[in-house]
Amino acid sequence: MTASTPHLLSISGIVLLLGSIAVWWLPSPQLGDTNPIYDPLDELCIVAPAHPYDPAGGLALHEPRPIPADARCPVCGMFPSRFPAWAGQVIFSDGAAHFFDSPVNLLVFLRAPERYSNYTREDIVASYVNDVASSTWTDARTAHYVHGSNALGPMREGNLPTFAQHEAAERFARERGGVVLALPEVSAEILNSLVISVHHHHD
């Protein structure tokens, strides 16, 4: 080790710190983005706990609720509150909730909840996605999903914008491309082609 080594190490530490701060302030993608900035934080894989039901919140046990700022998507580890236009949530029988940064990750979770959570499929009583047209929660089971549009989701990949009304979904597809699918038509092959995090391993 030379005399200059400690100096070089301190410089490296400063560079890493500044890089982390810069990444934190990168803008989040919106439905209109066609060339978003790549965010290395997207590659993190963090298993997140469910948020317990809070009776003081004034909502019924199984109602959709606002996304907590500290909520992390259990599939990819991202912060859904940064991507409200894409968000989803699952409510369990005890009122606890998981929040998702995109409809794709919500649907990936529904295929195998035990992989990402301490809850099972039998514990799930409701699932919601954001209605792009009204920015309100809508039932994920009856929502309409647009596949193949030019709207890029939080993973900087193609995604599934969701709508409560079929007409609104069709209008979006005419303007942005893609086809409208009902939930049973969103196959495992479609999900695997859309989401990067589906290939991550959660142990």
C-alpha atoms as a PDB file:
ATOM      1  CA  MET A   1       0.000   0.000   0.000  1.00  0.00           C
ATOM      2  CA  THR A   2       1.431   3.389  -0.947  1.00  0.00           C
ATOM      3  CA  ALA A   3       1.152   6.650   0.934  1.00  0.00           C
ATOM      4  CA  SER A   4      -1.461   7.874  -1.543  1.00  0.00           C
ATOM      5  CA  THR A   5      -3.811   4.906  -1.000  1.00  0.00           C
ATOM      6  CA  PRO A   6      -5.821   6.423   1.914  1.00  0.00           C
ATOM      7  CA  HIS A   7      -6.282   9.602  -0.116  1.00  0.00           C
ATOM      8  CA  LEU A   8      -7.589   7.614  -3.077  1.00  0.00           C
ATOM      9  CA  LEU A   9      -9.946   5.667  -0.832  1.00  0.00           C
ATOM     10  CA  SER A  10     -11.430   8.859   0.591  1.00  0.00           C
ATOM     11  CA  ILE A  11     -11.994  10.223  -2.905  1.00  0.00           C
ATOM     12  CA  SER A  12     -13.738   6.974  -3.898  1.00  0.00           C
ATOM     13  CA  GLY A  13     -16.001   7.256  -0.891  1.00  0.00           C
ATOM     14  CA  ILE A  14     -16.991  10.803  -1.801  1.00  0.00           C
ATOM     15  CA  VAL A  15     -17.708   9.785  -5.405  1.00  0.00           C
ATOM     16  CA  LEU A  16     -19.941   6.923  -4.228  1.00  0.00           C
ATOM     17  CA  LEU A  17     -21.818   9.232  -1.859  1.00  0.00           C
ATOM     18  CA  LEU A  18     -22.421  11.848  -4.549  1.00  0.00           C
ATOM     19  CA  GLY A  19     -23.536   9.148  -6.987  1.00  0.00           C
ATOM     20  CA  SER A  20     -26.068   7.828  -4.478  1.00  0.00           C
ATOM     21  CA  ILE A  21     -27.479  11.318  -3.940  1.00  0.00           C
ATOM     22  CA  ALA A  22     -27.770  11.878  -7.696  1.00  0.00           C
ATOM     23  CA  VAL A  23     -29.589   8.584  -8.200  1.00  0.00           C
ATOM     24  CA  TRP A  24     -32.034   9.395  -5.385  1.00  0.00           C
ATOM     25  CA  TRP A  25     -33.140  12.584  -7.159  1.00  0.00           C
ATOM     26  CA  LEU A  26     -33.674  11.045 -10.600  1.00  0.00           C
ATOM     27  CA  PRO A  27     -37.207  11.830 -11.848  1.00  0.00           C
ATOM     28  CA  SER A  28     -39.827   9.087 -11.882  1.00  0.00           C
ATOM     29  CA  PRO A  29     -41.490   8.065 -15.166  1.00  0.00           C
ATOM     30  CA  GLN A  30     -44.974   9.175 -16.132  1.00  0.00           C
ATOM     31  CA  LEU A  31     -47.407   7.617 -18.579  1.00  0.00           C
ATOM     32  CA  GLY A  32     -46.300  10.104 -21.245  1.00  0.00           C
ATOM     33  CA  ASP A  33     -42.589   9.326 -20.966  1.00  0.00           C
ATOM     34  CA  THR A  34     -41.019   7.749 -24.043  1.00  0.00           C
ATOM     35  CA  ASN A  35     -37.335   8.189 -23.110  1.00  0.00           C
ATOM     36  CA  PRO A  36     -37.062   8.064 -19.300  1.00  0.00           C
ATOM     37  CA  ILE A  37     -33.783   8.200 -17.404  1.00  0.00           C
ATOM     38  CA  TYR A  38     -32.439   4.810 -16.268  1.00  0.00           C
ATOM     39  CA  ASP A  39     -32.409   4.460 -12.476  1.00  0.00           C
ATOM     40  CA  PRO A  40     -29.992   1.862 -11.000  1.00  0.00           C
ATOM     41  CA  LEU A  41     -32.254   1.626  -7.951  1.00  0.00           C
ATOM     42  CA  ASP A  42     -34.690  -0.291 -10.160  1.00  0.00           C
ATOM     43  CA  GLU A  43     -32.319  -3.262 -10.008  1.00  0.00           C
ATOM     44  CA  LEU A  44     -32.540  -3.656  -6.214  1.00  0.00           C
ATOM     45  CA  CYS A  45     -34.430  -6.704  -4.940  1.00  0.00           C
ATOM     46  CA  ILE A  46     -35.912  -6.124  -1.479  1.00  0.00           C
ATOM     47  CA  VAL A  47     -38.587  -8.262   0.153  1.00  0.00           C
ATOM     48  CA  ALA A  48     -40.964  -5.817   1.829  1.00  0.00           C
ATOM     49  CA  PRO A  49     -43.324  -6.462   4.761  1.00  0.00           C
ATOM     50  CA  ALA A  50     -47.047  -5.849   4.401  1.00  0.00           C
ATOM     51  CA  HIS A  51     -48.451  -2.663   5.918  1.00  0.00           C
ATOM     52  CA  PRO A  52     -50.854  -3.458   8.795  1.00  0.00           C
ATOM     53  CA  TYR A  53     -54.389  -2.101   8.847  1.00  0.00           C
ATOM     54  CA  ASP A  54     -54.769   1.164  10.758  1.00  0.00           C
ATOM     55  CA  PRO A  55     -58.323   1.695  12.105  1.00  0.00           C
ATOM     56  CA  ALA A  56     -57.479   5.356  12.706  1.00  0.00           C
ATOM     57  CA  GLY A  57     -57.253   5.837   8.939  1.00  0.00           C
ATOM     58  CA  GLY A  58     -61.040   5.940   8.662  1.00  0.00           C
ATOM     59  CA  LEU A  59     -61.263   3.251   5.957  1.00  0.00           C
ATOM     60  CA  ALA A  60     -63.030  -0.101   6.103  1.00  0.00           C
ATOM     61  CA  LEU A  61     -60.876  -3.176   6.659  1.00  0.00           C
ATOM     62  CA  HIS A  62     -60.766  -4.193   2.996  1.00  0.00           C
ATOM     63  CA  GLU A  63     -61.033  -0.799   1.280  1.00  0.00           C
ATOM     64  CA  PRO A  64     -58.203   0.455  -0.950  1.00  0.00           C
ATOM     65  CA  ARG A  65     -56.038   2.978   0.813  1.00  0.00           C
ATOM     66  CA  PRO A  66     -53.456   5.663   0.042  1.00  0.00           C
ATOM     67  CA  ILE A  67     -49.936   4.418  -0.605  1.00  0.00           C
ATOM     68  CA  PRO A  68     -47.604   4.991   2.368  1.00  0.00           C
ATOM     69  CA  ALA A  69     -44.484   6.902   1.406  1.00  0.00           C
ATOM     70  CA  ASP A  70     -42.272   4.147   2.820  1.00  0.00           C
ATOM     71  CA  ALA A  71     -44.131   1.249   1.168  1.00  0.00           C
ATOM     72  CA  ARG A  72     -41.992  -0.982  -1.039  1.00  0.00           C
ATOM     73  CA  CYS A  73     -43.188  -3.257  -3.796  1.00  0.00           C
ATOM     74  CA  PRO A  74     -42.671  -6.827  -2.530  1.00  0.00           C
ATOM     75  CA  VAL A  75     -41.838  -8.029  -6.049  1.00  0.00           C
ATOM     76  CA  CYS A  76     -39.132  -5.525  -7.020  1.00  0.00           C
ATOM     77  CA  GLY A  77     -38.397  -3.370  -3.952  1.00  0.00           C
ATOM     78  CA  MET A  78     -39.279  -0.036  -5.566  1.00  0.00           C
ATOM     79  CA  PHE A  79     -41.388   2.701  -3.914  1.00  0.00           C
ATOM     80  CA  PRO A  80     -44.955   2.631  -5.352  1.00  0.00           C
ATOM     81  CA  SER A  81     -45.680   6.124  -3.981  1.00  0.00           C
ATOM     82  CA  ARG A  82     -43.249   7.434  -6.609  1.00  0.00           C
ATOM     83  CA  PHE A  83     -45.370   5.939  -9.391  1.00  0.00           C
ATOM     84  CA  PRO A  84     -49.028   6.544  -8.402  1.00  0.00           C
ATOM     85  CA  ALA A  85     -50.261   6.405 -12.005  1.00  0.00           C
ATOM     86  CA  TRP A  86     -49.070   2.783 -12.184  1.00  0.00           C
ATOM     87  CA  ALA A  87     -49.684   1.585  -8.636  1.00  0.00           C
ATOM     88  CA  GLY A  88     -51.600  -1.410  -7.367  1.00  0.00           C
ATOM     89  CA  GLN A  89     -52.401  -2.946  -4.006  1.00  0.00           C
ATOM     90  CA  VAL A  90     -53.517  -6.215  -2.472  1.00  0.00           C
ATOM     91  CA  ILE A  91     -55.588  -6.371   0.720  1.00  0.00           C
ATOM     92  CA  PHE A  92     -55.475  -9.414   3.000  1.00  0.00           C
ATOM     93  CA  SER A  93     -58.159 -10.794   5.293  1.00  0.00           C
ATOM     94  CA  ASP A  94     -56.592  -9.144   8.365  1.00  0.00           C
ATOM     95  CA  GLY A  95     -56.604  -5.754   6.613  1.00  0.00           C
ATOM     96  CA  ALA A  96     -52.869  -5.652   5.930  1.00  0.00           C
ATOM     97  CA  ALA A  97     -51.823  -4.495   2.454  1.00  0.00           C
ATOM     98  CA  HIS A  98     -49.008  -4.860  -0.025  1.00  0.00           C
ATOM     99  CA  PHE A  99     -48.446  -2.043  -2.534  1.00  0.00           C
ATOM    100  CA  PHE A 100     -47.014  -2.447  -6.036  1.00  0.00           C
ATOM    101  CA  ASP A 101     -45.266  -0.066  -8.395  1.00  0.00           C
ATOM    102  CA  SER A 102     -47.089  -1.455 -11.449  1.00  0.00           C
ATOM    103  CA  PRO A 103     -50.007  -3.674 -12.504  1.00  0.00           C
ATOM    104  CA  VAL A 104     -47.468  -6.149 -13.870  1.00  0.00           C
ATOM    105  CA  ASN A 105     -45.839  -6.669 -10.479  1.00  0.00           C
ATOM    106  CA  LEU A 106     -49.236  -6.936  -8.811  1.00  0.00           C
ATOM    107  CA  LEU A 107     -50.229  -9.703 -11.233  1.00  0.00           C
ATOM    108  CA  VAL A 108     -46.881 -11.441 -10.771  1.00  0.00           C
ATOM    109  CA  PHE A 109     -47.527 -11.389  -7.023  1.00  0.00           C
ATOM    110  CA  LEU A 110     -51.024 -12.816  -7.423  1.00  0.00           C
ATOM    111  CA  ARG A 111     -49.604 -15.806  -9.305  1.00  0.00           C
ATOM    112  CA  ALA A 112     -47.409 -16.824  -6.329  1.00  0.00           C
ATOM    113  CA  PRO A 113     -47.917 -14.640  -3.222  1.00  0.00           C
ATOM    114  CA  GLU A 114     -46.012 -17.062  -1.000  1.00  0.00           C
ATOM    115  CA  ARG A 115     -42.873 -16.286  -2.978  1.00  0.00           C
ATOM    116  CA  TYR A 116     -42.946 -12.622  -1.991  1.00  0.00           C
ATOM    117  CA  SER A 117     -44.854 -12.546   1.301  1.00  0.00           C
ATOM    118  CA  ASN A 118     -45.847 -14.401   4.449  1.00  0.00           C
ATOM    119  CA  TYR A 119     -49.425 -14.407   3.149  1.00  0.00           C
ATOM    120  CA  THR A 120     -51.040 -17.025   0.915  1.00  0.00           C
ATOM    121  CA  ARG A 121     -53.467 -16.810  -1.993  1.00  0.00           C
ATOM    122  CA  GLU A 122     -56.275 -17.747   0.409  1.00  0.00           C
ATOM    123  CA  ASP A 123     -55.495 -14.669   2.546  1.00  0.00           C
ATOM    124  CA  ILE A 124     -56.166 -12.245  -0.333  1.00  0.00           C
ATOM    125  CA  VAL A 125     -59.609 -10.640  -0.219  1.00  0.00           C
ATOM    126  CA  ALA A 126     -59.188  -7.738  -2.672  1.00  0.00           C
ATOM    127  CA  SER A 127     -56.787  -6.371  -5.272  1.00  0.00           C
ATOM    128  CA  TYR A 128     -56.815  -2.929  -6.854  1.00  0.00           C
ATOM    129  CA  VAL A 129     -55.095  -1.099  -9.699  1.00  0.00           C
ATOM    130  CA  ASN A 130     -55.082   2.572 -10.624  1.00  0.00           C
ATOM    131  CA  ASP A 131     -57.652   3.644 -13.213  1.00  0.00           C
ATOM    132  CA  VAL A 132     -55.568   5.804 -15.539  1.00  0.00           C
ATOM    133  CA  ALA A 133     -58.633   7.753 -16.697  1.00  0.00           C
ATOM    134  CA  SER A 134     -59.748   8.867 -13.230  1.00  0.00           C
ATOM    135  CA  SER A 135     -56.693   8.280 -11.001  1.00  0.00           C
ATOM    136  CA  THR A 136     -58.820   6.222  -8.614  1.00  0.00           C
ATOM    137  CA  TRP A 137     -58.584   2.628  -7.444  1.00  0.00           C
ATOM    138  CA  THR A 138     -60.491   0.016  -9.405  1.00  0.00           C
ATOM    139  CA  ASP A 139     -60.914  -3.728  -8.880  1.00  0.00           C
ATOM    140  CA  ALA A 140     -58.006  -5.551 -10.545  1.00  0.00           C
ATOM    141  CA  ARG A 141     -60.291  -8.489 -11.375  1.00  0.00           C
ATOM    142  CA  THR A 142     -62.590  -6.404 -13.571  1.00  0.00           C
ATOM    143  CA  ALA A 143     -60.094  -3.819 -14.863  1.00  0.00           C
ATOM    144  CA  HIS A 144     -59.094  -3.544 -18.517  1.00  0.00           C
ATOM    145  CA  TYR A 145     -55.371  -3.834 -19.312  1.00  0.00           C
ATOM    146  CA  VAL A 146     -53.687  -2.301 -22.354  1.00  0.00           C
ATOM    147  CA  HIS A 147     -50.832  -4.476 -23.598  1.00  0.00           C
ATOM    148  CA  GLY A 148     -48.278  -3.313 -26.164  1.00  0.00           C
ATOM    149  CA  SER A 149     -48.694   0.472 -25.922  1.00  0.00           C
ATOM    150  CA  ASN A 150     -45.766   2.913 -26.013  1.00  0.00           C
ATOM    151  CA  ALA A 151     -46.325   3.845 -22.346  1.00  0.00           C
ATOM    152  CA  LEU A 152     -43.296   2.812 -20.296  1.00  0.00           C
ATOM    153  CA  GLY A 153     -43.822   1.790 -16.683  1.00  0.00           C
ATOM    154  CA  PRO A 154     -41.591   2.220 -13.627  1.00  0.00           C
ATOM    155  CA  MET A 155     -39.275  -0.577 -14.802  1.00  0.00           C
ATOM    156  CA  ARG A 156     -38.566   1.446 -17.981  1.00  0.00           C
ATOM    157  CA  GLU A 157     -40.210  -1.379 -19.892  1.00  0.00           C
ATOM    158  CA  GLY A 158     -43.549  -1.930 -21.555  1.00  0.00           C
ATOM    159  CA  ASN A 159     -46.324  -2.221 -19.006  1.00  0.00           C
ATOM    160  CA  LEU A 160     -50.084  -2.670 -18.575  1.00  0.00           C
ATOM    161  CA  PRO A 161     -51.912   0.666 -18.093  1.00  0.00           C
ATOM    162  CA  THR A 162     -55.257  -0.125 -16.452  1.00  0.00           C
ATOM    163  CA  PHE A 163     -58.753   1.278 -16.838  1.00  0.00           C
ATOM    164  CA  ALA A 164     -62.079   0.764 -15.101  1.00  0.00           C
ATOM    165  CA  GLN A 165     -64.039   1.304 -18.330  1.00  0.00           C
ATOM    166  CA  HIS A 166     -63.473  -0.632 -21.548  1.00  0.00           C
ATOM    167  CA  GLU A 167     -64.176   2.450 -23.674  1.00  0.00           C
ATOM    168  CA  ALA A 168     -61.430   4.416 -21.936  1.00  0.00           C
ATOM    169  CA  ALA A 169     -58.982   1.552 -22.458  1.00  0.00           C
ATOM    170  CA  GLU A 170     -59.873   1.341 -26.150  1.00  0.00           C
ATOM    171  CA  ARG A 171     -59.378   5.087 -26.563  1.00  0.00           C
ATOM    172  CA  PHE A 172     -55.952   4.853 -24.908  1.00  0.00           C
ATOM    173  CA  ALA A 173     -55.005   1.935 -27.181  1.00  0.00           C
ATOM    174  CA  ARG A 174     -55.988   3.901 -30.283  1.00  0.00           C
ATOM    175  CA  GLU A 175     -53.827   6.830 -29.182  1.00  0.00           C
ATOM    176  CA  ARG A 176     -50.851   4.959 -27.725  1.00  0.00           C
ATOM    177  CA  GLY A 177     -51.010   1.569 -29.427  1.00  0.00           C
ATOM    178  CA  GLY A 178     -51.646  -1.860 -27.975  1.00  0.00           C
ATOM    179  CA  VAL A 179     -54.632  -4.104 -27.395  1.00  0.00           C
ATOM    180  CA  VAL A 180     -57.155  -4.206 -24.555  1.00  0.00           C
ATOM    181  CA  LEU A 181     -57.158  -7.357 -22.435  1.00  0.00           C
ATOM    182  CA  ALA A 182     -59.360  -8.615 -19.635  1.00  0.00           C
ATOM    183  CA  LEU A 183     -57.545 -10.102 -16.648  1.00  0.00           C
ATOM    184  CA  PRO A 184     -57.894 -13.752 -17.778  1.00  0.00           C
ATOM    185  CA  GLU A 185     -56.246 -12.775 -21.076  1.00  0.00           C
ATOM    186  CA  VAL A 186     -53.094 -11.508 -19.353  1.00  0.00           C
ATOM    187  CA  SER A 187     -51.139 -14.736 -19.605  1.00  0.00           C
ATOM    188  CA  ALA A 188     -48.006 -15.852 -17.801  1.00  0.00           C
ATOM    189  CA  GLU A 189     -46.140 -15.440 -21.098  1.00  0.00           C
ATOM    190  CA  ILE A 190     -47.192 -11.791 -21.318  1.00  0.00           C
ATOM    191  CA  LEU A 191     -46.105 -11.113 -17.749  1.00  0.00           C
ATOM    192  CA  ASN A 192     -42.775 -12.864 -18.253  1.00  0.00           C
ATOM    193  CA  SER A 193     -42.136 -10.735 -21.328  1.00  0.00           C
ATOM    194  CA  LEU A 194     -42.898  -7.501 -19.482  1.00  0.00           C
ATOM    195  CA  VAL A 195     -41.325  -7.545 -16.059  1.00  0.00           C
ATOM    196  CA  ILE A 196     -37.640  -7.811 -15.249  1.00  0.00           C
ATOM    197  CA  SER A 197     -38.200  -8.622 -11.585  1.00  0.00           C
ATOM    198  CA  VAL A 198     -40.101 -11.821 -12.352  1.00  0.00           C
ATOM    199  CA  HIS A 199     -36.701 -13.416 -12.946  1.00  0.00           C
ATOM    200  CA  HIS A 200     -35.297 -12.357  -9.549  1.00  0.00           C
ATOM    201  CA  HIS A 201     -34.937 -14.936  -6.802  1.00  0.00           C
ATOM    202  CA  HIS A 202     -36.498 -14.228  -3.408  1.00  0.00           C
ATOM    203  CA  ASP A 203     -35.149 -16.509  -0.683  1.00  0.00           C
END
